Amino acid sequence: MAKADGTVDIRKIRVGAVQQRVAIVAEGLADGETVVTEGHLRLTPGARIKPTDAPEGKPGKPAGQSTDKPGAPAKPN
């Protein structure tokens, strides 16, 4: 999970369902929190990131979703 200070932290979540490569998070995230969807395997707690919007249809942003919604994915610096 990306924090407001530009760093990341590990968060345990529970996935409720997966359909067509889209996972629904049932527990572990609050509304509006930002999740790292690319490069997360290289991150450690406290690492600095530079958030970016995912291109439409890519992981982290289903096709047709507006770009002004919170929760855009983040990429490591």
Protein backbone atom coordinates (compact mmCIF):
# COMPACT_ATOMS: atom_id res chain seq x y z
CA MET A 1 0.00 0.00 0.00
CA ALA A 2 1.25 3.50 -0.84
CA LYS A 3 1.24 5.99 2.03
CA ALA A 4 0.68 9.77 1.85
CA ASP A 5 4.39 10.46 2.47
CA GLY A 6 5.38 8.70 -0.80
CA THR A 7 6.55 5.48 0.83
CA VAL A 8 5.07 1.99 0.85
CA ASP A 9 4.05 -0.48 3.52
CA ILE A 10 2.99 -4.12 3.46
CA ARG A 11 -0.69 -4.80 4.03
CA LYS A 12 -2.39 -8.17 4.31
CA ILE A 13 -5.64 -8.36 2.34
CA ARG A 14 -8.34 -10.94 1.69
CA VAL A 15 -9.46 -11.40 -1.90
CA GLY A 16 -13.20 -11.95 -2.19
CA ALA A 17 -13.47 -12.98 -5.83
CA VAL A 18 -11.48 -13.02 -9.07
CA GLN A 19 -13.18 -12.70 -12.43
CA GLN A 20 -11.46 -12.08 -15.77
CA ARG A 21 -8.15 -11.22 -14.05
CA VAL A 22 -9.81 -8.59 -11.81
CA ALA A 23 -9.60 -9.24 -8.07
CA ILE A 24 -12.10 -7.88 -5.56
CA VAL A 25 -10.46 -6.99 -2.23
CA ALA A 26 -12.85 -8.04 0.55
CA GLU A 27 -10.74 -6.96 3.56
CA GLY A 28 -7.55 -5.07 4.31
CA LEU A 29 -7.98 -1.80 2.36
CA ALA A 30 -9.93 1.34 3.07
CA ASP A 31 -11.77 3.29 0.39
CA GLY A 32 -9.42 5.55 -1.56
CA GLU A 33 -6.15 3.87 -0.57
CA THR A 34 -3.54 3.47 -3.30
CA VAL A 35 -2.19 0.02 -4.13
CA VAL A 36 1.09 -0.78 -5.90
CA THR A 37 0.33 -3.08 -8.84
CA GLU A 38 3.62 -3.03 -10.78
CA GLY A 39 7.12 -3.51 -9.43
CA HIS A 40 5.85 -4.49 -5.99
CA LEU A 41 8.19 -7.50 -5.78
CA ARG A 42 11.19 -5.13 -5.66
CA LEU A 43 9.79 -3.01 -2.81
CA THR A 44 10.49 -3.14 0.90
CA PRO A 45 8.61 -1.34 3.70
CA GLY A 46 9.52 2.36 3.65
CA ALA A 47 10.69 2.39 0.00
CA ARG A 48 9.89 5.61 -1.87
CA ILE A 49 7.61 5.45 -4.93
CA LYS A 50 6.30 7.80 -7.59
CA PRO A 51 2.58 7.10 -8.18
CA THR A 52 1.33 7.02 -11.79
CA ASP A 53 -1.97 6.18 -13.46
CA ALA A 54 -2.19 2.80 -15.20
CA PRO A 55 -3.04 2.89 -18.90
CA GLU A 56 -6.68 1.94 -19.58
CA GLY A 57 -7.21 -1.82 -19.65
CA LYS A 58 -3.94 -2.59 -17.84
CA PRO A 59 -3.77 -4.19 -14.37
CA GLY A 60 -4.98 -1.77 -11.74
CA LYS A 61 -7.38 0.04 -14.07
CA PRO A 62 -10.16 -1.89 -15.83
CA ALA A 63 -11.19 -0.63 -19.27
CA GLY A 64 -13.75 2.18 -19.06
CA GLN A 65 -12.79 3.31 -15.54
CA SER A 66 -12.31 7.08 -15.22
CA THR A 67 -8.89 8.42 -14.28
CA ASP A 68 -10.20 10.75 -11.55
CA LYS A 69 -11.01 7.98 -9.09
CA PRO A 70 -8.77 7.34 -6.09
CA GLY A 71 -6.76 4.16 -5.90
CA ALA A 72 -4.55 4.62 -8.96
CA PRO A 73 -1.65 2.18 -9.01
CA ALA A 74 1.87 3.27 -8.17
CA LYS A 75 5.21 2.39 -9.74
CA PRO A 76 8.55 2.34 -7.90
CA ASN A 77 10.99 5.22 -8.63
